[in-house]
Amino acid sequence: MLTRSGERVLRVNTTAMIVLRDHNILFSRDPMNNRLSPRTIILLLLLTLSIFPACTAAPPFSDDQMRQADTSVRLSRLLESPDDYAGKTVVLGGVINMVERRGIVNRIYVQAFPLDSAYRPDRSRPSAGHFMIVTDEPLSPARYAPGRPIEVLGTVLRSRKMTNFADRPEKVVVIRARALHVRARRIPPPARGVGFGFMPMMGY
């Protein structure tokens, strides 16, 4: 049921209801009954759990930012032929391998993973390769740390060949960040010497 104020009301029973207001979940009780039975409390919890995933499974960027991006670009094709997508705005994600802070341009080296429906890196699927983020934003060492999942909305600049920790050349996509999002959950970074990550390079 929708009210005049735009609230969505879900009645649990005669004594309680859930009110959705501006994506926030509020509980309400009938003013004529000040007590909630254990059964009502359980129903409220179950309804909250069913509503909560739908509220949180959203992109980490604003609607305006997402409208600027071409979300149809496939990660595998982008990493295989990055120069074909130069100038396009895309959304990519992965796990931070290393961060370089040099002057006003900072670089984030990322092991790329496909994104799930909420635009989170999906580590249950194979990594497709690597990409590098360049940004002039200050990068907090505590926040932008190796092992953290990261998403970037940015412009594809070009590719460049870099040497990874296995001393093998690899073509890497360079993304100029427009917006960054780092997840709080830490993931152990890949071990050195197994081909993940890159040696620090001069320039970009």
Protein backbone atom coordinates (compact mmCIF):
# COMPACT_ATOMS: atom_id res chain seq x y z
CA MET A 1 0.00 0.00 0.00
CA LEU A 2 1.33 3.48 -0.91
CA THR A 3 0.55 6.50 1.27
CA ARG A 4 0.34 10.13 0.17
CA SER A 5 3.87 10.73 1.37
CA GLY A 6 5.20 8.04 -0.96
CA GLU A 7 5.75 5.52 1.81
CA ARG A 8 5.19 1.84 1.12
CA VAL A 9 3.40 0.05 3.95
CA LEU A 10 3.54 -3.71 4.42
CA ARG A 11 1.13 -4.89 7.11
CA VAL A 12 2.32 -7.93 9.03
CA ASN A 13 -0.84 -8.43 11.09
CA THR A 14 -3.27 -6.35 13.13
CA THR A 15 -0.56 -5.19 15.52
CA ALA A 16 2.45 -4.35 13.36
CA MET A 17 3.55 -3.15 9.98
CA ILE A 18 6.73 -2.31 8.05
CA VAL A 19 7.08 1.13 6.47
CA LEU A 20 9.52 1.78 3.61
CA ARG A 21 10.52 5.44 3.45
CA ASP A 22 13.30 6.67 1.16
CA HIS A 23 14.77 3.15 0.99
CA ASN A 24 14.84 2.98 4.80
CA ILE A 25 12.96 0.25 6.67
CA LEU A 26 10.88 1.46 9.61
CA PHE A 27 8.81 -0.59 12.04
CA SER A 28 5.45 0.62 13.25
CA ARG A 29 3.01 -0.69 15.83
CA ASP A 30 -0.68 -0.19 16.20
CA PRO A 31 -1.05 2.60 18.81
CA MET A 32 -3.91 0.65 20.38
CA ASN A 33 -1.62 -2.29 21.07
CA ASN A 34 1.77 -1.57 22.67
CA ARG A 35 2.94 -5.17 22.77
CA LEU A 36 4.42 -7.30 19.99
CA SER A 37 4.01 -11.05 20.23
CA PRO A 38 7.00 -13.34 19.54
CA ARG A 39 5.27 -14.48 16.34
CA THR A 40 4.98 -10.88 15.15
CA ILE A 41 8.65 -10.22 15.89
CA ILE A 42 9.66 -13.28 13.85
CA LEU A 43 7.46 -12.15 10.95
CA LEU A 44 9.04 -8.70 11.05
CA LEU A 45 12.54 -10.17 10.95
CA LEU A 46 11.69 -12.47 8.04
CA LEU A 47 10.16 -9.64 6.03
CA THR A 48 13.16 -7.42 6.73
CA LEU A 49 15.57 -10.10 5.52
CA SER A 50 13.53 -10.57 2.33
CA ILE A 51 13.47 -6.82 1.64
CA PHE A 52 17.07 -6.03 2.57
CA PRO A 53 18.84 -7.79 -0.37
CA ALA A 54 16.67 -5.94 -2.88
CA CYS A 55 17.63 -2.66 -1.27
CA THR A 56 21.37 -3.36 -1.25
CA ALA A 57 21.86 -5.07 -4.65
CA ALA A 58 22.51 -1.78 -6.43
CA PRO A 59 25.49 -0.42 -8.36
CA PRO A 60 28.12 1.35 -6.24
CA PHE A 61 27.83 4.46 -8.43
CA SER A 62 25.02 6.98 -8.87
CA ASP A 63 22.37 6.68 -11.57
CA ASP A 64 23.85 9.68 -13.40
CA GLN A 65 27.30 8.08 -13.40
CA MET A 66 25.93 4.74 -14.60
CA ARG A 67 24.14 6.44 -17.49
CA GLN A 68 27.53 7.66 -18.74
CA ALA A 69 28.93 4.12 -18.89
CA ASP A 70 28.57 1.47 -21.57
CA THR A 71 27.73 -1.52 -19.41
CA SER A 72 27.44 -3.79 -22.46
CA VAL A 73 31.24 -3.89 -22.86
CA ARG A 74 32.46 -7.36 -21.94
CA LEU A 75 35.53 -7.59 -19.77
CA SER A 76 37.17 -10.34 -21.82
CA ARG A 77 36.84 -8.41 -25.08
CA LEU A 78 38.05 -5.20 -23.49
CA LEU A 79 41.15 -6.87 -22.12
CA GLU A 80 41.84 -8.64 -25.41
CA SER A 81 41.43 -5.55 -27.63
CA PRO A 82 41.56 -2.51 -25.33
CA ASP A 83 42.50 -0.02 -28.05
CA ASP A 84 39.20 -0.75 -29.83
CA TYR A 85 37.40 0.73 -26.82
CA ALA A 86 39.54 3.84 -26.34
CA GLY A 87 37.39 6.77 -25.23
CA LYS A 88 34.52 4.63 -23.94
CA THR A 89 33.33 4.91 -20.36
CA VAL A 90 33.12 1.51 -18.68
CA VAL A 91 32.65 -0.09 -15.28
CA LEU A 92 35.31 -2.58 -14.19
CA GLY A 93 36.15 -4.33 -10.96
CA GLY A 94 38.64 -6.61 -9.33
CA VAL A 95 41.07 -6.88 -6.45
CA ILE A 96 43.83 -4.36 -5.72
CA ASN A 97 47.30 -5.79 -6.25
CA MET A 98 49.41 -2.70 -5.74
CA VAL A 99 49.14 1.08 -5.45
CA GLU A 100 51.76 3.54 -6.69
CA ARG A 101 51.72 7.12 -5.46
CA ARG A 102 53.93 9.32 -7.62
CA GLY A 103 53.36 13.06 -7.71
CA ILE A 104 49.82 14.05 -8.65
CA VAL A 105 49.08 10.87 -10.62
CA ASN A 106 48.35 7.73 -8.65
CA ARG A 107 48.13 4.25 -10.14
CA ILE A 108 46.18 1.27 -8.91
CA TYR A 109 47.08 -2.14 -10.35
CA VAL A 110 44.06 -4.43 -10.32
CA GLN A 111 43.49 -8.12 -10.97
CA ALA A 112 40.28 -8.07 -12.98
CA PHE A 113 37.22 -10.20 -12.26
CA PRO A 114 33.79 -10.25 -13.90
CA LEU A 115 31.15 -8.22 -12.07
CA ASP A 116 27.99 -9.68 -10.59
CA SER A 117 24.51 -8.15 -10.85
CA ALA A 118 25.38 -5.61 -8.13
CA TYR A 119 28.63 -4.68 -9.94
CA ARG A 120 30.83 -6.40 -7.36
CA PRO A 121 33.92 -8.39 -8.39
CA ASP A 122 32.92 -12.05 -8.58
CA ARG A 123 35.92 -14.10 -7.42
CA SER A 124 34.06 -17.35 -7.94
CA ARG A 125 34.76 -16.86 -11.65
CA PRO A 126 38.22 -16.92 -13.27
CA SER A 127 40.22 -13.72 -13.47
CA ALA A 128 40.32 -12.31 -17.00
CA GLY A 129 43.60 -10.43 -16.62
CA HIS A 130 44.69 -7.08 -15.24
CA PHE A 131 44.06 -3.38 -15.67
CA MET A 132 45.54 -0.18 -14.30
CA ILE A 133 43.60 2.76 -12.88
CA VAL A 134 45.10 6.24 -13.06
CA THR A 135 43.68 9.00 -10.88
CA ASP A 136 44.69 12.33 -9.38
CA GLU A 137 42.59 11.67 -6.29
CA PRO A 138 44.46 11.20 -2.99
CA LEU A 139 44.49 7.51 -2.12
CA SER A 140 44.38 6.65 1.56
CA PRO A 141 46.83 3.79 2.28
CA ALA A 142 44.39 2.30 4.78
CA ARG A 143 41.51 2.31 2.32
CA TYR A 144 43.27 1.56 -0.97
CA ALA A 145 45.19 -1.46 0.26
CA PRO A 146 46.22 -4.66 -1.55
CA GLY A 147 43.54 -7.33 -1.29
CA ARG A 148 40.58 -4.99 -1.25
CA PRO A 149 37.83 -5.35 -3.86
CA ILE A 150 37.52 -2.23 -6.01
CA GLU A 151 35.23 -0.95 -8.74
CA VAL A 152 36.00 1.89 -11.14
CA LEU A 153 33.84 3.88 -13.50
CA GLY A 154 36.17 5.51 -15.97
CA THR A 155 37.36 6.17 -19.50
CA VAL A 156 39.45 3.68 -21.46
CA LEU A 157 42.67 5.48 -22.41
CA ARG A 158 44.82 2.91 -24.15
CA SER A 159 46.76 -0.24 -23.47
CA ARG A 160 50.38 -0.56 -22.49
CA LYS A 161 52.76 -3.47 -22.20
CA MET A 162 54.05 -4.15 -18.73
CA THR A 163 56.16 -6.82 -17.09
CA ASN A 164 54.44 -8.89 -14.44
CA PHE A 165 56.05 -10.64 -11.47
CA ALA A 166 56.71 -13.68 -13.64
CA ASP A 167 58.84 -11.45 -15.92
CA ARG A 168 56.38 -11.88 -18.76
CA PRO A 169 55.08 -9.03 -20.92
CA GLU A 170 51.35 -8.43 -20.65
CA LYS A 171 49.04 -5.94 -22.35
CA VAL A 172 47.19 -3.94 -19.71
CA VAL A 173 44.16 -1.68 -20.07
CA VAL A 174 44.60 1.83 -18.65
CA ILE A 175 41.47 3.43 -17.17
CA ARG A 176 41.20 7.11 -16.23
CA ALA A 177 38.98 7.02 -13.15
CA ARG A 178 35.88 9.17 -12.91
CA ALA A 179 34.63 7.44 -9.78
CA LEU A 180 36.10 4.81 -7.47
CA HIS A 181 34.50 2.50 -4.95
CA VAL A 182 36.46 0.32 -2.53
CA ARG A 183 34.78 -2.41 -0.52
CA ALA A 184 35.51 -2.85 3.17
CA ARG A 185 35.93 -6.61 2.97
CA ARG A 186 39.58 -7.62 2.66
CA ILE A 187 40.70 -10.37 0.28
CA PRO A 188 44.25 -11.75 0.64
CA PRO A 189 46.28 -10.41 -2.31
CA PRO A 190 47.70 -12.95 -4.78
CA ALA A 191 51.13 -14.28 -3.86
CA ARG A 192 54.11 -12.74 -5.61
CA GLY A 193 55.79 -14.79 -8.28
CA VAL A 194 52.69 -16.49 -9.68
CA GLY A 195 52.07 -14.04 -12.50
CA PHE A 196 49.66 -11.66 -10.77
CA GLY A 197 50.43 -7.98 -10.31
CA PHE A 198 53.06 -5.85 -11.97
CA MET A 199 56.50 -4.47 -11.39
CA PRO A 200 56.46 -0.70 -10.76
CA MET A 201 56.98 1.16 -14.03
CA MET A 202 58.03 4.71 -14.81
CA GLY A 203 55.46 6.88 -16.54
CA TYR A 204 52.07 5.65 -17.61
